[in-house]
Each structure stands twice: as C-alpha cells, then as structure tokens.
Amino acid sequence: MPPVPILKPEQVIVALSKIGFHFISQKGSHRKYKKGGRTVIIPMHYELARGTLASILVQAGVTIGELMKHIK
C-alpha cells in the first residue's frame, strides 16, 4: 500500500466526484458526500491529515491508488 499523501480537501472532492460521489449537505466546515450506501464527511480545512484522509478512503471504499488516478 502506497503512503497516504497530504492533500487539500478540494483535490479529494474532485477525485471522489469523478468516482461517482455527489454533494449532499454541509454543516459548518464539514461537507457530506454520498454514493449508493456509502457516505463520507470531508472537513474543509487547509489540508487533510494523513489519518483523516485514510479514514475517508476506508469509508468511501476507495484505494489510495484509485484516488490518485483521478487527482493527477
């Protein structure tokens, strides 16, 4: 498994949108995205910590490699 990079939330949102996630709602600085039965919450901070990004990917059912294909 490749190391989890530090990314901006906007980069993750674009990649997840390409995978099929769509915006549901926002409460404060946290946005909710959904695809089928999977829901992910993305904090809109300056950068996502590695652990936070890893947790988002587990919730989304997406691998790091798959996410990175949609970012580059």
N, C-alpha and C. Protein backbone atom coordinates (compact mmCIF):
# COMPACT_ATOMS: atom_id res chain seq x y z
N MET A 1 0.84 -1.18 0.00
CA MET A 1 0.00 0.00 0.00
C MET A 1 0.88 1.24 0.00
N PRO A 2 0.67 2.16 -0.97
CA PRO A 2 1.49 3.37 -1.00
C PRO A 2 1.18 4.27 0.20
N PRO A 3 2.12 5.11 0.58
CA PRO A 3 1.87 6.00 1.71
C PRO A 3 0.74 6.98 1.41
N VAL A 4 0.01 7.36 2.45
CA VAL A 4 -1.09 8.30 2.28
C VAL A 4 -0.52 9.70 2.15
N PRO A 5 -0.84 10.41 1.07
CA PRO A 5 -0.31 11.76 0.89
C PRO A 5 -1.11 12.78 1.69
N ILE A 6 -0.56 13.97 1.82
CA ILE A 6 -1.30 15.08 2.40
C ILE A 6 -1.90 15.86 1.23
N LEU A 7 -3.22 15.96 1.21
CA LEU A 7 -3.92 16.61 0.11
C LEU A 7 -4.85 17.70 0.63
N LYS A 8 -5.24 18.58 -0.25
CA LYS A 8 -6.24 19.60 0.08
C LYS A 8 -7.62 18.96 -0.10
N PRO A 9 -8.60 19.37 0.69
CA PRO A 9 -9.93 18.78 0.57
C PRO A 9 -10.53 18.95 -0.82
N GLU A 10 -10.23 20.06 -1.48
CA GLU A 10 -10.77 20.28 -2.83
C GLU A 10 -10.28 19.22 -3.81
N GLN A 11 -9.03 18.78 -3.66
CA GLN A 11 -8.49 17.73 -4.53
C GLN A 11 -9.23 16.42 -4.31
N VAL A 12 -9.50 16.10 -3.05
CA VAL A 12 -10.20 14.86 -2.72
C VAL A 12 -11.63 14.91 -3.24
N ILE A 13 -12.28 16.06 -3.11
CA ILE A 13 -13.66 16.20 -3.58
C ILE A 13 -13.75 16.01 -5.09
N VAL A 14 -12.83 16.59 -5.84
CA VAL A 14 -12.83 16.44 -7.30
C VAL A 14 -12.66 14.97 -7.67
N ALA A 15 -11.71 14.29 -7.01
CA ALA A 15 -11.47 12.88 -7.30
C ALA A 15 -12.68 12.03 -6.94
N LEU A 16 -13.28 12.26 -5.78
CA LEU A 16 -14.45 11.48 -5.39
C LEU A 16 -15.63 11.76 -6.30
N SER A 17 -15.76 12.97 -6.80
CA SER A 17 -16.83 13.30 -7.75
C SER A 17 -16.66 12.51 -9.04
N LYS A 18 -15.42 12.37 -9.49
CA LYS A 18 -15.16 11.58 -10.70
C LYS A 18 -15.47 10.11 -10.48
N ILE A 19 -15.35 9.64 -9.23
CA ILE A 19 -15.65 8.24 -8.90
C ILE A 19 -17.15 8.03 -8.77
N GLY A 20 -17.91 9.11 -8.56
CA GLY A 20 -19.36 8.98 -8.50
C GLY A 20 -20.02 9.50 -7.24
N PHE A 21 -19.27 10.09 -6.34
CA PHE A 21 -19.84 10.67 -5.13
C PHE A 21 -20.45 12.03 -5.48
N HIS A 22 -21.56 12.36 -4.82
CA HIS A 22 -22.17 13.66 -5.05
C HIS A 22 -22.47 14.36 -3.72
N PHE A 23 -22.49 15.69 -3.77
CA PHE A 23 -22.68 16.52 -2.59
C PHE A 23 -24.08 16.35 -2.04
N ILE A 24 -24.19 16.20 -0.70
CA ILE A 24 -25.48 16.08 -0.04
C ILE A 24 -25.79 17.33 0.79
N SER A 25 -24.89 17.67 1.72
CA SER A 25 -25.14 18.82 2.59
C SER A 25 -23.84 19.29 3.21
N GLN A 26 -23.94 20.41 3.92
CA GLN A 26 -22.80 20.96 4.64
C GLN A 26 -23.28 21.48 5.98
N LYS A 27 -22.49 21.19 7.01
CA LYS A 27 -22.77 21.72 8.35
C LYS A 27 -21.46 22.27 8.88
N GLY A 28 -21.40 23.58 9.02
CA GLY A 28 -20.15 24.21 9.43
C GLY A 28 -19.11 24.03 8.34
N SER A 29 -17.94 23.50 8.72
CA SER A 29 -16.87 23.31 7.75
C SER A 29 -16.78 21.87 7.27
N HIS A 30 -17.83 21.08 7.47
CA HIS A 30 -17.82 19.68 7.06
C HIS A 30 -18.86 19.44 5.97
N ARG A 31 -18.40 18.86 4.86
CA ARG A 31 -19.29 18.55 3.74
C ARG A 31 -19.56 17.06 3.68
N LYS A 32 -20.77 16.71 3.30
CA LYS A 32 -21.19 15.31 3.22
C LYS A 32 -21.38 14.93 1.76
N TYR A 33 -20.77 13.82 1.37
CA TYR A 33 -20.88 13.29 0.01
C TYR A 33 -21.37 11.85 0.08
N LYS A 34 -22.11 11.43 -0.95
CA LYS A 34 -22.71 10.09 -0.91
C LYS A 34 -22.65 9.43 -2.28
N LYS A 35 -22.49 8.11 -2.25
CA LYS A 35 -22.56 7.28 -3.45
C LYS A 35 -23.17 5.96 -3.02
N GLY A 36 -24.36 5.67 -3.52
CA GLY A 36 -25.03 4.43 -3.10
C GLY A 36 -25.27 4.44 -1.60
N GLY A 37 -24.78 3.43 -0.91
CA GLY A 37 -24.94 3.35 0.54
C GLY A 37 -23.77 3.90 1.31
N ARG A 38 -22.79 4.45 0.63
CA ARG A 38 -21.59 4.97 1.31
C ARG A 38 -21.67 6.49 1.45
N THR A 39 -21.39 6.96 2.66
CA THR A 39 -21.38 8.39 2.95
C THR A 39 -20.03 8.76 3.54
N VAL A 40 -19.47 9.86 3.08
CA VAL A 40 -18.20 10.35 3.63
C VAL A 40 -18.36 11.81 4.03
N ILE A 41 -17.71 12.16 5.12
CA ILE A 41 -17.69 13.54 5.61
C ILE A 41 -16.28 14.08 5.37
N ILE A 42 -16.18 15.22 4.71
CA ILE A 42 -14.88 15.80 4.41
C ILE A 42 -14.77 17.15 5.11
N PRO A 43 -13.81 17.29 6.04
CA PRO A 43 -13.61 18.59 6.69
C PRO A 43 -12.91 19.54 5.73
N MET A 44 -13.42 20.74 5.61
CA MET A 44 -12.88 21.72 4.67
C MET A 44 -11.80 22.57 5.36
N HIS A 45 -10.73 21.91 5.76
CA HIS A 45 -9.60 22.59 6.37
C HIS A 45 -8.58 22.90 5.28
N TYR A 46 -7.46 23.52 5.65
CA TYR A 46 -6.44 23.85 4.66
C TYR A 46 -5.89 22.59 4.00
N GLU A 47 -5.54 21.58 4.82
CA GLU A 47 -5.06 20.29 4.33
C GLU A 47 -5.72 19.19 5.15
N LEU A 48 -5.84 18.01 4.56
CA LEU A 48 -6.34 16.86 5.30
C LEU A 48 -5.15 16.09 5.87
N ALA A 49 -5.19 15.80 7.14
CA ALA A 49 -4.14 15.00 7.77
C ALA A 49 -4.16 13.60 7.17
N ARG A 50 -3.03 12.93 7.20
CA ARG A 50 -2.94 11.58 6.62
C ARG A 50 -3.97 10.62 7.21
N GLY A 51 -4.13 10.66 8.52
CA GLY A 51 -5.08 9.77 9.18
C GLY A 51 -6.52 10.08 8.78
N THR A 52 -6.83 11.35 8.64
CA THR A 52 -8.17 11.76 8.21
C THR A 52 -8.44 11.28 6.80
N LEU A 53 -7.48 11.46 5.91
CA LEU A 53 -7.65 11.01 4.53
C LEU A 53 -7.79 9.50 4.47
N ALA A 54 -6.99 8.79 5.24
CA ALA A 54 -7.09 7.32 5.27
C ALA A 54 -8.48 6.89 5.72
N SER A 55 -9.03 7.56 6.71
CA SER A 55 -10.36 7.24 7.21
C SER A 55 -11.43 7.52 6.14
N ILE A 56 -11.28 8.64 5.43
CA ILE A 56 -12.22 8.98 4.36
C ILE A 56 -12.20 7.91 3.28
N LEU A 57 -11.00 7.44 2.93
CA LEU A 57 -10.89 6.42 1.88
C LEU A 57 -11.51 5.11 2.30
N VAL A 58 -11.35 4.73 3.56
CA VAL A 58 -11.97 3.50 4.06
C VAL A 58 -13.49 3.63 3.99
N GLN A 59 -14.02 4.76 4.44
CA GLN A 59 -15.47 4.99 4.40
C GLN A 59 -16.00 4.97 2.97
N ALA A 60 -15.21 5.50 2.04
CA ALA A 60 -15.63 5.58 0.64
C ALA A 60 -15.43 4.26 -0.09
N GLY A 61 -14.61 3.37 0.46
CA GLY A 61 -14.31 2.12 -0.23
C GLY A 61 -13.40 2.32 -1.42
N VAL A 62 -12.51 3.29 -1.31
CA VAL A 62 -11.61 3.67 -2.41
C VAL A 62 -10.17 3.46 -1.95
N THR A 63 -9.33 2.95 -2.84
CA THR A 63 -7.92 2.78 -2.51
C THR A 63 -7.16 4.07 -2.79
N ILE A 64 -5.98 4.17 -2.22
CA ILE A 64 -5.15 5.35 -2.46
C ILE A 64 -4.79 5.46 -3.94
N GLY A 65 -4.46 4.32 -4.54
CA GLY A 65 -4.11 4.31 -5.96
C GLY A 65 -5.24 4.78 -6.84
N GLU A 66 -6.47 4.35 -6.54
CA GLU A 66 -7.61 4.76 -7.33
C GLU A 66 -7.86 6.26 -7.17
N LEU A 67 -7.73 6.76 -5.95
CA LEU A 67 -7.91 8.19 -5.71
C LEU A 67 -6.86 9.00 -6.48
N MET A 68 -5.61 8.56 -6.42
CA MET A 68 -4.52 9.30 -7.07
C MET A 68 -4.67 9.31 -8.59
N LYS A 69 -5.28 8.27 -9.18
CA LYS A 69 -5.51 8.25 -10.63
C LYS A 69 -6.41 9.41 -11.05
N HIS A 70 -7.33 9.80 -10.17
CA HIS A 70 -8.28 10.87 -10.50
C HIS A 70 -7.77 12.24 -10.10
N ILE A 71 -6.65 12.30 -9.38
CA ILE A 71 -6.09 13.59 -8.98
C ILE A 71 -5.06 14.06 -9.99
N LYS A 72 -4.24 13.20 -10.51
CA LYS A 72 -3.15 13.59 -11.42
C LYS A 72 -3.64 13.74 -12.83
